[in-house]
Amino acid sequence: MVITGVTTPGHVVAFMDLGTNSVRLLVVRINPNSTWTVLTQQKMMVRLGEGEFNQQHLQPEAMARTAEAIRQLGELAHSFGAEEIHAVATAATREAENQGEFLELVRTASGINLHVIAGKEEARLIYLGVSRSVNIGKKAALFIDIGGGSTEIAIGDSQQFSYLDSLKLGAIRLANTDRNGFAGKVTAKRYARLQDEVKNIAVRSLQQLSQLAPKLVYGSSGTIENLATIAARLAGNTRQTPALTMTLEQLRFVVTLLCSLPIAQRRMLPGLNPDRADIIIAGAAILQTLMEELGLDEIRVSDRGLRDGLLVDYLERGDETAEMARLSLRARSVRQLGRLCNYDEVHAEQVAKLAVSLFDSAKAAELHNLGTAEKELLGWAARLHDIGLFLNYANHHAHSYYFIRNAELLGFDQTEAAIMATSVLFHRKTLPRSKNPEFAILDEASQHTVRLLCIFLRVAETLDRSHANLVQDVHLTPINNNRLALEIIHEQPCPLELQGVRVHGPALEKTFERKVVFSDGEI
């Protein structure tokens, strides 16, 4: 999560993940308030495992280009002020007989100590990276990551895994088993042989997973992202980001197309990284076989992985992040964004409390038909309504809208983020109208939700105008079929709040089509 212009001092840490196919870098600043800011993310394809798996020996050319890539990424990390570099190596390195020679070469070239991790530890870290970025709560999910040399599998909910495994199956490893390579078209018979090889290697894991595997499935890695992106392009989706889901039917269609093309044409296929053209069919065979054998109809795609898991593992070991770790994914995402923008946390919580109280009382009075999901979005929006002050006060509602729409809040889908952002946009000044482009792009149901949420939000915000928590509670109560009472409960005098809230009388009356009476419930 990056907010340009953040200058809060912090501890800069880099995480490096060396796989069979590529090396990835993540550099973050760990801020004093337990948030983190991404400074850069980089990836370099090195093909370390090229030609290795038949001989269990890393090739000199592959080792040399990998060591040089690590040196360059290490220098980049230091240029961002990284005080620590945590670097791990996976399948290609852990299986190499000349592992020691390679590790020393990297150490000499870059000064970086690569730590070789076991397959199950790799699976655990991938699980951490992906599970902490999706909103699954207590539901168990299956996580699949197809690398160049191995495939990692985990089962777990948002807090704890229950199963870990690492299969000696990877896109490069499996591609190397075919002596003819994949330069030309691939017949159905050859592809079936690939699937048989996958079944033979994964047989024991498939037996266990068939009893354990939940129907909620997430896939990560470049292989799965590429396959999903190809499927999206074929379906007419031209987004640059990976598709959110890919069905087994879509995957089969993609496989048929890939196998029908020689490598030169495969490289030009929209959505496919040309550097993966020679191994993508092998990677697809792994994924298709796992989905078919486990009865999985679709897979959700994540762009998170091992390096993100390294960050999560690092953060969760620190005492200062213990509180954040106990929060739900959505709560962590909202607090992370709010703190990056230096928001007034006490005020944000007060506005959320009052907004939800208005929502509940209006629901009890049958003034709206929204449910728990919309109430939750109101609470999160209320906590973020002022983050635009990070830039300036005059137009802070518009800045808040931009931040919420573009911060990639984990745990929220695009529609939910749009509802939150648009409700915040209209929490001051004008009410939403069809001519407002931010409002017009929403579907009808979302527009209805925003019209209500922004009213609750603007009233709640005004009732903490002094940022002093003077108002204890607020309710909307019907007097009769034509009149509503807005009852404001407080112990201490709050003239700013009582004066300011009356400005919203016309907006309340327009929304609920009733005359509004203000009731000062001093206690």
Protein backbone atom coordinates (compact mmCIF):
# COMPACT_ATOMS: atom_id res chain seq x y z
CA MET A 1 0.00 0.00 0.00
CA VAL A 2 1.73 3.17 -1.18
CA ILE A 3 0.77 6.76 -0.38
CA THR A 4 3.08 9.13 -2.22
CA GLY A 5 4.54 11.80 0.02
CA VAL A 6 4.61 9.86 3.28
CA THR A 7 7.73 10.96 5.11
CA THR A 8 7.21 9.27 8.46
CA PRO A 9 10.56 7.90 9.67
CA GLY A 10 10.70 4.15 9.98
CA HIS A 11 12.72 1.00 9.61
CA VAL A 12 13.32 -0.05 5.98
CA VAL A 13 13.40 -3.80 5.35
CA ALA A 14 13.79 -5.77 2.10
CA PHE A 15 12.50 -9.26 1.35
CA MET A 16 13.86 -11.34 -1.51
CA ASP A 17 12.43 -14.59 -2.87
CA LEU A 18 14.60 -16.65 -5.23
CA GLY A 19 12.58 -19.27 -7.05
CA THR A 20 13.36 -21.67 -9.86
CA ASN A 21 12.18 -19.22 -12.51
CA SER A 22 12.63 -15.71 -11.08
CA VAL A 23 13.81 -13.59 -8.18
CA ARG A 24 11.45 -11.08 -6.58
CA LEU A 25 12.14 -8.12 -4.31
CA LEU A 26 9.87 -6.27 -1.90
CA VAL A 27 11.14 -3.21 0.02
CA VAL A 28 8.96 -1.70 2.75
CA ARG A 29 9.21 0.94 5.43
CA ILE A 30 7.93 -0.30 8.80
CA ASN A 31 6.42 2.82 10.35
CA PRO A 32 6.44 3.59 14.11
CA ASN A 33 2.61 3.31 14.24
CA SER A 34 2.73 -0.37 13.20
CA THR A 35 1.81 0.26 9.57
CA TRP A 36 3.99 -0.38 6.57
CA THR A 37 4.58 1.35 3.27
CA VAL A 38 5.74 -0.37 0.08
CA LEU A 39 8.73 1.46 -1.39
CA THR A 40 9.33 -0.79 -4.40
CA GLN A 41 8.52 -4.21 -5.83
CA GLN A 42 10.69 -5.76 -8.53
CA LYS A 43 11.00 -9.05 -10.39
CA MET A 44 13.75 -10.45 -12.60
CA MET A 45 13.46 -13.70 -14.55
CA VAL A 46 16.65 -15.74 -14.10
CA ARG A 47 15.71 -19.35 -14.87
CA LEU A 48 17.99 -20.67 -12.13
CA GLY A 49 16.54 -24.17 -12.47
CA GLU A 50 17.08 -24.42 -16.20
CA GLY A 51 18.65 -27.79 -17.00
CA GLU A 52 18.98 -28.69 -13.32
CA PHE A 53 16.32 -31.19 -12.37
CA ASN A 54 17.60 -34.13 -14.42
CA GLN A 55 21.09 -33.83 -12.90
CA GLN A 56 20.35 -32.11 -9.56
CA HIS A 57 23.07 -29.66 -10.54
CA LEU A 58 22.75 -25.89 -11.06
CA GLN A 59 24.28 -24.84 -14.36
CA PRO A 60 27.17 -22.30 -14.32
CA GLU A 61 25.43 -19.84 -16.65
CA ALA A 62 22.23 -19.94 -14.59
CA MET A 63 24.15 -19.42 -11.35
CA ALA A 64 26.10 -16.48 -12.79
CA ARG A 65 23.07 -14.58 -14.11
CA THR A 66 21.15 -15.26 -10.89
CA ALA A 67 23.99 -13.97 -8.70
CA GLU A 68 24.18 -10.83 -10.85
CA ALA A 69 20.44 -10.28 -10.59
CA ILE A 70 20.56 -10.64 -6.81
CA ARG A 71 23.45 -8.16 -6.68
CA GLN A 72 21.46 -5.61 -8.67
CA LEU A 73 18.34 -6.06 -6.56
CA GLY A 74 20.41 -5.83 -3.38
CA GLU A 75 21.86 -2.51 -4.53
CA LEU A 76 18.36 -1.29 -5.31
CA ALA A 77 17.19 -2.26 -1.82
CA HIS A 78 20.09 -0.39 -0.24
CA SER A 79 19.32 2.66 -2.37
CA PHE A 80 15.95 2.79 -0.62
CA GLY A 81 17.71 2.66 2.74
CA ALA A 82 17.14 -1.02 3.53
CA GLU A 83 18.83 -1.89 6.82
CA GLU A 84 17.95 -5.58 6.56
CA ILE A 85 17.59 -7.91 3.59
CA HIS A 86 15.80 -11.19 4.27
CA ALA A 87 16.44 -13.50 1.31
CA VAL A 88 15.22 -17.05 0.85
CA ALA A 89 15.75 -19.65 -1.89
CA THR A 90 13.37 -22.44 -2.82
CA ALA A 91 13.19 -25.62 -4.94
CA ALA A 92 16.03 -25.15 -7.43
CA THR A 93 18.53 -24.25 -4.72
CA ARG A 94 17.39 -26.71 -2.05
CA GLU A 95 17.67 -29.68 -4.43
CA ALA A 96 21.01 -28.75 -6.02
CA GLU A 97 24.05 -30.85 -5.18
CA ASN A 98 26.21 -27.77 -5.75
CA GLN A 99 24.07 -25.63 -3.45
CA GLY A 100 27.03 -24.53 -1.34
CA GLU A 101 28.96 -23.33 -4.38
CA PHE A 102 25.97 -21.26 -5.51
CA LEU A 103 25.32 -19.72 -2.08
CA GLU A 104 28.96 -18.67 -1.84
CA LEU A 105 28.82 -17.17 -5.34
CA VAL A 106 25.79 -15.07 -4.32
CA ARG A 107 27.42 -14.04 -1.05
CA THR A 108 30.60 -12.95 -2.84
CA ALA A 109 28.76 -11.07 -5.58
CA SER A 110 26.19 -9.29 -3.42
CA GLY A 111 26.99 -9.70 0.26
CA ILE A 112 23.55 -11.30 0.70
CA ASN A 113 23.13 -14.53 2.65
CA LEU A 114 20.50 -16.70 0.99
CA HIS A 115 18.57 -18.92 3.39
CA VAL A 116 17.37 -22.14 1.77
CA ILE A 117 13.91 -23.07 3.07
CA ALA A 118 12.16 -26.43 3.08
CA GLY A 119 9.13 -27.07 0.92
CA LYS A 120 6.63 -26.99 3.77
CA GLU A 121 8.12 -23.76 5.10
CA GLU A 122 7.70 -22.31 1.61
CA ALA A 123 4.06 -23.46 1.67
CA ARG A 124 3.57 -21.82 5.08
CA LEU A 125 4.99 -18.49 3.92
CA ILE A 126 2.91 -18.50 0.74
CA TYR A 127 -0.16 -19.26 2.85
CA LEU A 128 0.66 -16.26 5.06
CA GLY A 129 1.14 -13.96 2.08
CA VAL A 130 -2.08 -14.94 0.34
CA SER A 131 -4.40 -15.63 3.28
CA ARG A 132 -3.72 -12.24 4.89
CA SER A 133 -4.76 -10.50 1.66
CA VAL A 134 -8.19 -12.10 1.18
CA ASN A 135 -11.35 -11.87 3.26
CA ILE A 136 -12.06 -15.48 4.26
CA GLY A 137 -12.56 -15.08 8.01
CA LYS A 138 -12.94 -18.47 9.68
CA LYS A 139 -13.72 -20.30 6.44
CA ALA A 140 -11.08 -22.85 5.45
CA ALA A 141 -9.59 -22.34 1.98
CA LEU A 142 -7.21 -24.26 -0.24
CA PHE A 143 -4.13 -22.38 -1.47
CA ILE A 144 -2.17 -23.51 -4.55
CA ASP A 145 1.07 -21.96 -5.78
CA ILE A 146 2.75 -23.35 -8.89
CA GLY A 147 6.42 -22.43 -9.10
CA GLY A 148 9.12 -23.42 -11.53
CA GLY A 149 10.39 -26.35 -9.48
CA SER A 150 7.65 -27.15 -6.98
CA THR A 151 3.98 -26.68 -6.20
CA GLU A 152 3.05 -25.60 -2.69
CA ILE A 153 -0.32 -26.41 -1.15
CA ALA A 154 -1.92 -25.23 2.09
CA ILE A 155 -5.30 -25.33 3.77
CA GLY A 156 -6.25 -22.74 6.37
CA ASP A 157 -8.45 -19.85 7.39
CA SER A 158 -7.41 -16.23 7.85
CA GLN A 159 -5.46 -16.97 11.03
CA GLN A 160 -4.12 -20.54 11.02
CA PHE A 161 -3.19 -23.29 8.57
CA SER A 162 -4.25 -26.91 9.07
CA TYR A 163 -2.36 -28.58 6.20
CA LEU A 164 0.89 -27.92 4.34
CA ASP A 165 2.54 -29.79 1.49
CA SER A 166 5.17 -29.28 -1.21
CA LEU A 167 5.07 -31.32 -4.41
CA LYS A 168 8.05 -31.88 -6.69
CA LEU A 169 6.02 -30.46 -9.53
CA GLY A 170 6.80 -27.18 -11.23
CA ALA A 171 6.40 -25.60 -14.64
CA ILE A 172 10.12 -25.82 -15.48
CA ARG A 173 10.63 -29.24 -13.86
CA LEU A 174 7.64 -30.76 -15.68
CA ALA A 175 8.56 -29.14 -18.99
CA ASN A 176 12.04 -30.68 -18.71
CA THR A 177 10.52 -34.19 -18.59
CA ASP A 178 9.42 -33.87 -22.20
CA ARG A 179 12.49 -34.53 -24.35
CA ASN A 180 10.87 -32.88 -27.39
CA GLY A 181 10.26 -29.62 -25.57
CA PHE A 182 7.31 -27.40 -26.31
CA ALA A 183 8.51 -25.42 -29.31
CA GLY A 184 5.83 -26.84 -31.59
CA LYS A 185 2.19 -27.72 -31.23
CA VAL A 186 1.32 -30.13 -28.44
CA THR A 187 -0.94 -33.04 -29.25
CA ALA A 188 -3.70 -34.20 -26.93
CA LYS A 189 -1.72 -37.41 -26.35
CA ARG A 190 1.39 -35.52 -25.22
CA TYR A 191 -0.68 -33.29 -22.95
CA ALA A 192 -2.38 -36.34 -21.43
CA ARG A 193 1.09 -37.76 -20.64
CA LEU A 194 1.89 -34.55 -18.75
CA GLN A 195 -1.29 -34.93 -16.71
CA ASP A 196 -0.47 -38.58 -15.98
CA GLU A 197 2.95 -37.48 -14.70
CA VAL A 198 1.28 -34.94 -12.41
CA LYS A 199 -1.10 -37.60 -11.05
CA ASN A 200 1.75 -40.03 -10.40
CA ILE A 201 3.81 -37.50 -8.44
CA ALA A 202 0.84 -35.99 -6.55
CA VAL A 203 -1.08 -39.21 -5.86
CA ARG A 204 -0.65 -39.25 -2.06
CA SER A 205 -1.37 -35.56 -1.67
CA LEU A 206 -4.44 -35.85 -3.90
CA GLN A 207 -5.77 -38.64 -1.69
CA GLN A 208 -5.43 -36.48 1.42
CA LEU A 209 -6.69 -33.32 -0.24
CA SER A 210 -9.75 -35.06 -1.66
CA GLN A 211 -10.86 -35.59 1.94
CA LEU A 212 -9.78 -32.18 3.25
CA ALA A 213 -10.00 -29.69 0.37
CA PRO A 214 -12.58 -26.92 0.81
CA LYS A 215 -14.39 -25.59 -2.23
CA LEU A 216 -12.94 -22.10 -1.67
CA VAL A 217 -9.65 -22.10 -3.59
CA TYR A 218 -6.96 -19.46 -4.19
CA GLY A 219 -4.15 -19.71 -6.71
CA SER A 220 -0.96 -17.68 -6.77
CA SER A 221 2.24 -17.53 -8.87
CA GLY A 222 3.08 -16.20 -12.32
CA THR A 223 1.83 -19.37 -13.98
CA ILE A 224 -1.69 -19.11 -12.56
CA GLU A 225 -1.83 -15.33 -13.06
CA ASN A 226 -0.84 -15.75 -16.73
CA LEU A 227 -3.41 -18.48 -17.34
CA ALA A 228 -6.15 -16.40 -15.71
CA THR A 229 -5.17 -13.32 -17.69
CA ILE A 230 -5.29 -15.25 -20.97
CA ALA A 231 -8.74 -16.52 -20.02
CA ALA A 232 -9.84 -12.97 -19.24
CA ARG A 233 -8.55 -11.66 -22.58
CA LEU A 234 -10.36 -14.43 -24.46
CA ALA A 235 -13.54 -13.45 -22.61
CA GLY A 236 -13.12 -9.83 -23.75
CA ASN A 237 -11.80 -8.45 -20.46
CA THR A 238 -8.93 -6.10 -21.27
CA ARG A 239 -7.98 -5.17 -17.70
CA GLN A 240 -4.27 -5.18 -16.97
CA THR A 241 -4.75 -6.85 -13.60
CA PRO A 242 -5.33 -10.62 -13.34
CA ALA A 243 -8.89 -11.91 -13.44
CA LEU A 244 -10.45 -12.41 -10.03
CA THR A 245 -11.51 -15.96 -10.87
CA MET A 246 -10.93 -18.61 -13.52
CA THR A 247 -13.24 -21.56 -14.04
CA LEU A 248 -12.11 -25.06 -14.95
CA GLU A 249 -14.01 -24.69 -18.22
CA GLN A 250 -12.06 -21.51 -19.04
CA LEU A 251 -8.78 -23.22 -18.17
CA ARG A 252 -9.55 -26.14 -20.48
CA PHE A 253 -10.29 -23.70 -23.30
CA VAL A 254 -7.00 -21.87 -22.69
CA VAL A 255 -5.09 -25.18 -22.69
CA THR A 256 -6.64 -26.22 -26.01
CA LEU A 257 -5.59 -22.89 -27.52
CA LEU A 258 -2.05 -23.01 -26.11
CA CYS A 259 -1.49 -26.55 -27.36
CA SER A 260 -2.67 -25.61 -30.85
CA LEU A 261 0.00 -22.92 -31.25
CA PRO A 262 3.72 -23.25 -31.94
CA ILE A 263 5.87 -21.28 -29.53
CA ALA A 264 6.34 -18.26 -31.83
CA GLN A 265 2.57 -17.72 -31.99
CA ARG A 266 2.13 -18.65 -28.33
CA ARG A 267 4.44 -15.77 -27.35
CA MET A 268 2.08 -13.31 -29.06
CA LEU A 269 -1.02 -14.54 -27.23
CA PRO A 270 -2.62 -11.64 -25.27
CA GLY A 271 -2.18 -12.09 -21.56
CA LEU A 272 0.83 -14.43 -21.75
CA ASN A 273 4.28 -13.29 -20.65
CA PRO A 274 6.42 -14.26 -23.69
CA ASP A 275 9.15 -15.53 -21.36
CA ARG A 276 6.75 -18.21 -20.11
CA ALA A 277 5.73 -19.49 -23.54
CA ASP A 278 7.94 -22.60 -23.28
CA ILE A 279 6.73 -23.66 -19.82
CA ILE A 280 3.13 -22.42 -19.63
CA ILE A 281 1.65 -25.66 -21.00
CA ALA A 282 3.43 -27.69 -18.33
CA GLY A 283 2.19 -25.27 -15.65
CA ALA A 284 -1.35 -25.50 -17.03
CA ALA A 285 -1.18 -29.30 -16.89
CA ILE A 286 -0.38 -29.12 -13.17
CA LEU A 287 -3.24 -26.75 -12.41
CA GLN A 288 -5.80 -28.53 -14.58
CA THR A 289 -4.95 -31.92 -13.11
CA LEU A 290 -5.22 -30.66 -9.53
CA MET A 291 -8.56 -28.97 -10.24
CA GLU A 292 -9.99 -32.01 -12.01
CA GLU A 293 -8.79 -34.55 -9.45
CA LEU A 294 -10.07 -32.44 -6.54
CA GLY A 295 -13.37 -31.53 -8.19
CA LEU A 296 -12.67 -27.79 -8.22
CA ASP A 297 -14.94 -25.81 -10.54
CA GLU A 298 -13.11 -22.49 -10.21
CA ILE A 299 -10.06 -20.88 -8.64
CA ARG A 300 -9.64 -17.34 -7.32
CA VAL A 301 -6.42 -15.64 -8.37
CA SER A 302 -4.09 -13.74 -6.03
CA ASP A 303 -1.03 -11.68 -6.92
CA ARG A 304 0.44 -12.27 -3.44
CA GLY A 305 2.99 -14.94 -2.66
CA LEU A 306 6.17 -15.91 -0.84
CA ARG A 307 7.77 -12.48 -0.51
CA ASP A 308 4.50 -11.12 0.94
CA GLY A 309 4.52 -14.02 3.38
CA LEU A 310 8.04 -13.06 4.43
CA LEU A 311 6.75 -9.58 5.27
CA VAL A 312 3.74 -10.92 7.21
CA ASP A 313 5.99 -13.33 9.13
CA TYR A 314 8.38 -10.50 9.97
CA LEU A 315 5.58 -8.21 11.15
CA GLU A 316 3.80 -10.83 13.24
CA ARG A 317 6.97 -11.62 15.16
CA GLY A 318 7.20 -8.03 16.40
CA ASP A 319 5.48 -7.08 19.66
CA GLU A 320 4.42 -3.71 18.24
CA THR A 321 2.25 -5.41 15.60
CA ALA A 322 0.52 -7.86 17.95
CA GLU A 323 -2.62 -5.73 18.13
CA MET A 324 -2.81 -5.35 14.34
CA ALA A 325 -2.38 -9.11 13.90
CA ARG A 326 -5.45 -9.77 16.06
CA LEU A 327 -7.67 -7.58 13.89
CA SER A 328 -9.76 -8.85 11.01
CA LEU A 329 -8.38 -8.36 7.50
CA ARG A 330 -10.75 -5.47 6.82
CA ALA A 331 -9.94 -3.78 10.12
CA ARG A 332 -6.21 -4.11 9.44
CA SER A 333 -6.61 -2.67 5.94
CA VAL A 334 -8.64 0.31 7.13
CA ARG A 335 -6.35 1.08 10.06
CA GLN A 336 -3.30 0.69 7.84
CA LEU A 337 -4.62 3.25 5.34
CA GLY A 338 -5.85 5.60 8.06
CA ARG A 339 -2.53 5.61 9.90
CA LEU A 340 -0.57 6.09 6.71
CA CYS A 341 -2.62 9.26 6.24
CA ASN A 342 -2.12 10.32 9.88
CA TYR A 343 -5.86 10.32 10.58
CA ASP A 344 -7.44 11.26 13.90
CA GLU A 345 -8.16 7.73 15.11
CA VAL A 346 -10.31 8.71 18.10
CA HIS A 347 -12.49 11.00 15.97
CA ALA A 348 -12.79 8.34 13.27
CA GLU A 349 -14.04 5.75 15.79
CA GLN A 350 -16.53 8.23 17.26
CA VAL A 351 -17.98 9.08 13.85
CA ALA A 352 -18.24 5.37 13.03
CA LYS A 353 -20.08 4.71 16.30
CA LEU A 354 -22.59 7.52 15.70
CA ALA A 355 -23.10 6.66 12.03
CA VAL A 356 -23.87 3.02 12.88
CA SER A 357 -26.28 4.13 15.61
CA LEU A 358 -28.14 6.27 13.07
CA PHE A 359 -28.22 3.33 10.66
CA ASP A 360 -29.62 0.97 13.31
CA SER A 361 -32.28 3.36 14.59
CA ALA A 362 -33.39 4.18 11.05
CA LYS A 363 -33.55 0.45 10.29
CA ALA A 364 -35.67 -0.16 13.40
CA ALA A 365 -37.99 2.64 12.28
CA GLU A 366 -38.30 0.96 8.86
CA LEU A 367 -36.80 4.00 7.13
CA HIS A 368 -34.55 1.83 4.94
CA ASN A 369 -34.07 -1.79 3.87
CA LEU A 370 -30.28 -2.06 3.97
CA GLY A 371 -28.65 -4.92 5.85
CA THR A 372 -25.60 -5.91 7.86
CA ALA A 373 -23.23 -5.76 4.89
CA GLU A 374 -24.11 -2.13 4.18
CA LYS A 375 -23.87 -1.23 7.86
CA GLU A 376 -20.37 -2.66 7.97
CA LEU A 377 -19.36 -0.60 4.93
CA LEU A 378 -20.72 2.51 6.64
CA GLY A 379 -18.52 1.85 9.66
CA TRP A 380 -15.40 1.44 7.56
CA ALA A 381 -16.22 4.49 5.44
CA ALA A 382 -16.73 6.54 8.59
CA ARG A 383 -13.29 5.57 9.85
CA LEU A 384 -11.74 6.80 6.59
CA HIS A 385 -13.87 9.86 5.91
CA ASP A 386 -11.15 12.35 6.87
CA ILE A 387 -8.02 10.73 5.44
CA GLY A 388 -7.99 13.32 2.64
CA LEU A 389 -6.87 15.89 5.22
CA PHE A 390 -3.46 14.37 4.60
CA LEU A 391 -3.35 16.59 1.49
CA ASN A 392 -5.45 19.60 2.54
CA TYR A 393 -8.71 20.55 4.24
CA ALA A 394 -10.49 22.47 1.49
CA ASN A 395 -11.28 19.47 -0.69
CA HIS A 396 -10.53 16.65 1.71
CA HIS A 397 -13.69 14.69 0.92
CA ALA A 398 -12.56 14.38 -2.72
CA HIS A 399 -9.05 13.39 -1.65
CA SER A 400 -10.51 10.77 0.70
CA TYR A 401 -12.56 9.41 -2.20
CA TYR A 402 -9.42 9.07 -4.32
CA PHE A 403 -7.44 7.33 -1.59
CA ILE A 404 -10.18 4.79 -0.85
CA ARG A 405 -10.74 3.99 -4.53
CA ASN A 406 -7.05 3.58 -5.30
CA ALA A 407 -5.44 2.16 -2.15
CA GLU A 408 -6.36 -1.48 -2.95
CA LEU A 409 -7.92 -2.10 0.44
CA LEU A 410 -7.50 -5.78 1.21
CA GLY A 411 -10.70 -7.63 2.04
CA PHE A 412 -12.98 -5.36 -0.01
CA ASP A 413 -14.13 -5.97 -3.56
CA GLN A 414 -14.32 -3.16 -6.11
CA THR A 415 -18.03 -2.51 -5.57
CA GLU A 416 -17.62 -2.28 -1.80
CA ALA A 417 -14.68 0.11 -2.13
CA ALA A 418 -16.67 2.23 -4.59
CA ILE A 419 -19.65 2.44 -2.18
CA MET A 420 -17.38 3.45 0.70
CA ALA A 421 -15.47 6.01 -1.35
CA THR A 422 -18.58 7.60 -2.86
CA SER A 423 -20.34 7.78 0.52
CA VAL A 424 -17.28 9.62 1.85
CA LEU A 425 -17.22 11.93 -1.19
CA PHE A 426 -20.74 13.12 -0.41
CA HIS A 427 -20.42 13.35 3.36
CA ARG A 428 -20.09 17.12 3.01
CA LYS A 429 -21.30 19.81 0.61
CA THR A 430 -23.64 18.49 -2.12
CA LEU A 431 -25.80 15.38 -2.05
CA PRO A 432 -25.19 12.77 -4.78
CA ARG A 433 -26.87 13.48 -8.10
CA SER A 434 -26.98 11.65 -11.41
CA LYS A 435 -24.77 14.24 -13.05
CA ASN A 436 -21.90 13.50 -10.62
CA PRO A 437 -19.59 11.13 -12.55
CA GLU A 438 -18.41 9.30 -9.40
CA PHE A 439 -22.05 8.55 -8.53
CA ALA A 440 -23.25 7.91 -12.09
CA ILE A 441 -20.84 5.00 -12.67
CA LEU A 442 -22.38 3.02 -9.78
CA ASP A 443 -25.11 0.47 -10.43
CA GLU A 444 -28.63 1.23 -9.22
CA ALA A 445 -28.36 -0.79 -6.00
CA SER A 446 -25.06 0.86 -5.06
CA GLN A 447 -26.51 4.33 -5.75
CA HIS A 448 -29.39 3.58 -3.40
CA THR A 449 -26.93 2.48 -0.72
CA VAL A 450 -24.74 5.58 -1.13
CA ARG A 451 -27.73 7.94 -0.86
CA LEU A 452 -28.45 6.55 2.60
CA LEU A 453 -24.93 5.99 3.89
CA CYS A 454 -23.71 9.49 3.04
CA ILE A 455 -26.60 11.00 5.04
CA PHE A 456 -25.75 8.96 8.13
CA LEU A 457 -22.09 9.83 7.69
CA ARG A 458 -22.55 13.60 7.31
CA VAL A 459 -24.79 13.79 10.40
CA ALA A 460 -22.40 11.64 12.47
CA GLU A 461 -19.38 13.67 11.38
CA THR A 462 -21.05 16.93 12.39
CA LEU A 463 -21.96 15.47 15.78
CA ASP A 464 -18.24 15.22 16.55
CA ARG A 465 -17.42 18.57 15.01
CA SER A 466 -15.22 19.53 17.95
CA HIS A 467 -13.38 16.15 17.96
CA ALA A 468 -14.14 15.98 21.69
CA ASN A 469 -16.52 12.99 21.86
CA LEU A 470 -19.22 15.13 23.48
CA VAL A 471 -22.20 13.27 21.96
CA GLN A 472 -22.93 9.89 23.55
CA ASP A 473 -25.53 8.66 21.08
CA VAL A 474 -27.97 9.67 18.37
CA HIS A 475 -31.23 8.14 17.11
CA LEU A 476 -33.73 8.68 14.34
CA THR A 477 -37.18 8.05 15.80
CA PRO A 478 -40.55 8.34 14.01
CA ILE A 479 -43.05 10.68 15.66
CA ASN A 480 -45.81 9.90 13.18
CA ASN A 481 -46.13 9.16 9.47
CA ASN A 482 -45.01 12.67 8.58
CA ARG A 483 -42.41 13.56 11.20
CA LEU A 484 -39.08 12.23 12.48
CA ALA A 485 -37.12 13.12 15.59
CA LEU A 486 -33.33 13.28 15.55
CA GLU A 487 -32.52 12.68 19.21
CA ILE A 488 -29.03 13.76 20.26
CA ILE A 489 -27.86 12.45 23.64
CA HIS A 490 -25.01 14.21 25.46
CA GLU A 491 -23.75 14.89 29.00
CA GLN A 492 -21.73 18.05 28.41
CA PRO A 493 -22.66 21.16 26.42
CA CYS A 494 -21.92 20.71 22.71
CA PRO A 495 -23.04 23.94 21.01
CA LEU A 496 -20.92 23.40 17.87
CA GLU A 497 -22.48 20.00 17.26
CA LEU A 498 -26.06 21.09 17.98
CA GLN A 499 -25.76 24.14 15.78
CA GLY A 500 -24.00 22.34 12.94
CA VAL A 501 -26.32 19.35 12.70
CA ARG A 502 -29.34 21.53 11.92
CA VAL A 503 -27.77 22.32 8.56
CA HIS A 504 -28.51 18.74 7.55
CA GLY A 505 -32.24 19.02 8.22
CA PRO A 506 -33.18 19.53 4.54
CA ALA A 507 -30.99 16.59 3.46
CA LEU A 508 -32.60 14.30 6.05
CA GLU A 509 -36.07 15.43 5.01
CA LYS A 510 -35.34 14.86 1.34
CA THR A 511 -33.92 11.40 1.98
CA PHE A 512 -36.65 10.10 4.27
CA GLU A 513 -39.52 12.27 2.95
CA ARG A 514 -40.55 13.40 6.42
CA LYS A 515 -40.29 16.58 8.45
CA VAL A 516 -37.35 16.36 10.89
CA VAL A 517 -37.49 17.68 14.45
CA PHE A 518 -34.25 18.05 16.43
CA SER A 519 -34.36 16.78 20.00
CA ASP A 520 -31.63 17.82 22.44
CA GLY A 521 -31.49 14.90 24.88
CA GLU A 522 -29.07 16.33 27.47
CA ILE A 523 -28.48 13.92 30.38
